[in-house]
C-alpha atoms as a PDB file:
ATOM      1  CA  MET A   1     -17.649  14.830  16.080  1.00  0.00           C
ATOM      2  CA  HIS A   2     -14.678  15.930  18.159  1.00  0.00           C
ATOM      3  CA  THR A   3     -11.207  16.990  17.114  1.00  0.00           C
ATOM      4  CA  PRO A   4      -8.496  14.697  18.008  1.00  0.00           C
ATOM      5  CA  THR A   5      -6.256  15.523  20.813  1.00  0.00           C
ATOM      6  CA  LEU A   6      -2.573  16.337  20.561  1.00  0.00           C
ATOM      7  CA  ARG A   7      -1.761  13.038  21.714  1.00  0.00           C
ATOM      8  CA  ASP A   8      -3.865  11.326  19.105  1.00  0.00           C
ATOM      9  CA  ARG A   9      -2.254  13.430  16.303  1.00  0.00           C
ATOM     10  CA  LEU A  10       1.257  12.797  17.544  1.00  0.00           C
ATOM     11  CA  ARG A  11       0.917   9.007  17.902  1.00  0.00           C
ATOM     12  CA  PRO A  12       1.994   8.218  14.379  1.00  0.00           C
ATOM     13  CA  LEU A  13       5.119  10.406  14.886  1.00  0.00           C
ATOM     14  CA  GLU A  14       5.910   8.303  18.071  1.00  0.00           C
ATOM     15  CA  LEU A  15       5.594   5.162  16.257  1.00  0.00           C
ATOM     16  CA  LEU A  16       7.790   6.302  13.286  1.00  0.00           C
ATOM     17  CA  SER A  17      10.430   7.787  15.763  1.00  0.00           C
ATOM     18  CA  LEU A  18      10.675   4.477  17.721  1.00  0.00           C
ATOM     19  CA  SER A  19      11.173   2.756  14.413  1.00  0.00           C
ATOM     20  CA  ALA A  20      13.960   5.160  13.451  1.00  0.00           C
ATOM     21  CA  VAL A  21      15.562   4.466  16.865  1.00  0.00           C
ATOM     22  CA  ILE A  22      15.589   0.879  16.252  1.00  0.00           C
ATOM     23  CA  GLY A  23      17.035   1.399  12.784  1.00  0.00           C
ATOM     24  CA  VAL A  24      19.718   3.750  13.805  1.00  0.00           C
ATOM     25  CA  PHE A  25      20.827   1.336  16.552  1.00  0.00           C
ATOM     26  CA  THR A  26      21.024  -1.508  14.124  1.00  0.00           C
ATOM     27  CA  GLY A  27      22.777   0.544  11.539  1.00  0.00           C
ATOM     28  CA  LEU A  28      25.393   1.698  14.097  1.00  0.00           C
ATOM     29  CA  VAL A  29      25.959  -1.776  15.347  1.00  0.00           C
ATOM     30  CA  ILE A  30      26.625  -2.976  11.818  1.00  0.00           C
ATOM     31  CA  LEU A  31      28.808   0.141  10.929  1.00  0.00           C
ATOM     32  CA  PHE A  32      30.875  -0.461  14.098  1.00  0.00           C
ATOM     33  CA  THR A  33      31.502  -4.101  13.410  1.00  0.00           C
ATOM     34  CA  THR A  34      32.000  -4.149   9.709  1.00  0.00           C
ATOM     35  CA  ARG A  35      33.073  -0.479   8.901  1.00  0.00           C
ATOM     36  CA  GLU A  36      31.029  -0.526   5.795  1.00  0.00           C
ATOM     37  CA  TRP A  37      28.732   2.446   5.282  1.00  0.00           C
ATOM     38  CA  TRP A  38      26.632   0.826   2.619  1.00  0.00           C
ATOM     39  CA  LEU A  39      25.986  -2.337   4.711  1.00  0.00           C
ATOM     40  CA  ALA A  40      25.099  -0.068   7.676  1.00  0.00           C
ATOM     41  CA  GLY A  41      22.497   1.706   5.386  1.00  0.00           C
ATOM     42  CA  ILE A  42      20.896  -1.509   4.310  1.00  0.00           C
ATOM     43  CA  GLY A  43      20.823  -2.826   7.960  1.00  0.00           C
ATOM     44  CA  PHE A  44      19.139   0.673   8.895  1.00  0.00           C
ATOM     45  CA  GLY A  45      16.479   0.343   6.129  1.00  0.00           C
ATOM     46  CA  VAL A  46      15.755  -3.243   6.949  1.00  0.00           C
ATOM     47  CA  ALA A  47      15.399  -2.689  10.715  1.00  0.00           C
ATOM     48  CA  PHE A  48      13.327   0.447  10.174  1.00  0.00           C
ATOM     49  CA  ILE A  49      10.851  -1.327   7.779  1.00  0.00           C
ATOM     50  CA  LEU A  50      10.555  -4.510  10.154  1.00  0.00           C
ATOM     51  CA  ALA A  51      10.035  -2.322  13.216  1.00  0.00           C
ATOM     52  CA  ILE A  52       7.244  -0.315  11.434  1.00  0.00           C
ATOM     53  CA  MET A  53       5.521  -3.408  10.378  1.00  0.00           C
ATOM     54  CA  THR A  54       5.901  -5.207  13.772  1.00  0.00           C
ATOM     55  CA  ILE A  55       4.425  -2.183  15.502  1.00  0.00           C
ATOM     56  CA  ALA A  56       1.658  -1.817  12.999  1.00  0.00           C
ATOM     57  CA  LEU A  57       0.618  -5.569  13.316  1.00  0.00           C
ATOM     58  CA  LEU A  58       0.828  -5.311  17.087  1.00  0.00           C
ATOM     59  CA  ALA A  59      -1.471  -2.120  16.956  1.00  0.00           C
ATOM     60  CA  LEU A  60      -4.091  -3.973  14.748  1.00  0.00           C
ATOM     61  CA  SER A  61      -4.227  -6.827  17.214  1.00  0.00           C
ATOM     62  CA  ALA A  62      -5.194  -4.478  20.073  1.00  0.00           C
ATOM     63  CA  LYS A  63      -8.688  -4.728  21.041  1.00  0.00           C
ATOM     64  CA  PRO A  64     -10.532  -1.460  21.186  1.00  0.00           C
ATOM     65  CA  ASN A  65     -12.076  -0.266  24.624  1.00  0.00           C
ATOM     66  CA  ALA A  66     -15.630   0.932  25.251  1.00  0.00           C
ATOM     67  CA  ASP A  67     -14.783   4.679  24.629  1.00  0.00           C
ATOM     68  CA  GLU A  68     -13.314   3.715  21.216  1.00  0.00           C
ATOM     69  CA  LEU A  69     -16.285   1.527  20.348  1.00  0.00           C
ATOM     70  CA  ASP A  70     -18.595   4.448  21.161  1.00  0.00           C
ATOM     71  CA  ASP A  71     -16.532   6.756  19.017  1.00  0.00           C
ATOM     72  CA  LEU A  72     -16.646   4.487  16.084  1.00  0.00           C
ATOM     73  CA  ASP A  73     -20.443   4.046  16.438  1.00  0.00           C
ATOM     74  CA  GLU A  74     -20.798   7.806  16.651  1.00  0.00           C
ATOM     75  CA  GLN A  75     -18.700   8.225  13.496  1.00  0.00           C
ATOM     76  CA  ASP A  76     -20.855   5.743  11.749  1.00  0.00           C
ATOM     77  CA  ARG A  77     -24.029   7.529  12.654  1.00  0.00           C
ATOM     78  CA  ALA A  78     -22.565  10.791  11.481  1.00  0.00           C
ATOM     79  CA  ALA A  79     -21.638   9.342   7.969  1.00  0.00           C
ATOM     80  CA  HIS A  80     -25.213   8.166   7.234  1.00  0.00           C
END
């Protein structure tokens, strides 16, 4: 079994940071338009959660390539 690369280990951090950027953008737009901190916080939270869910669903719909299928078979054989 091989160790994951740095890119593989940082992928969740990339997805969370992308969701955070979307949430901050939404929160700032709401803050500048309404001048209400609590409403901007709610907007940030909703946008952050929706972005995470959307990215996760898109990641689940991606079809694994041949290398990934080989790696999954290898892991199955190692587990038995």
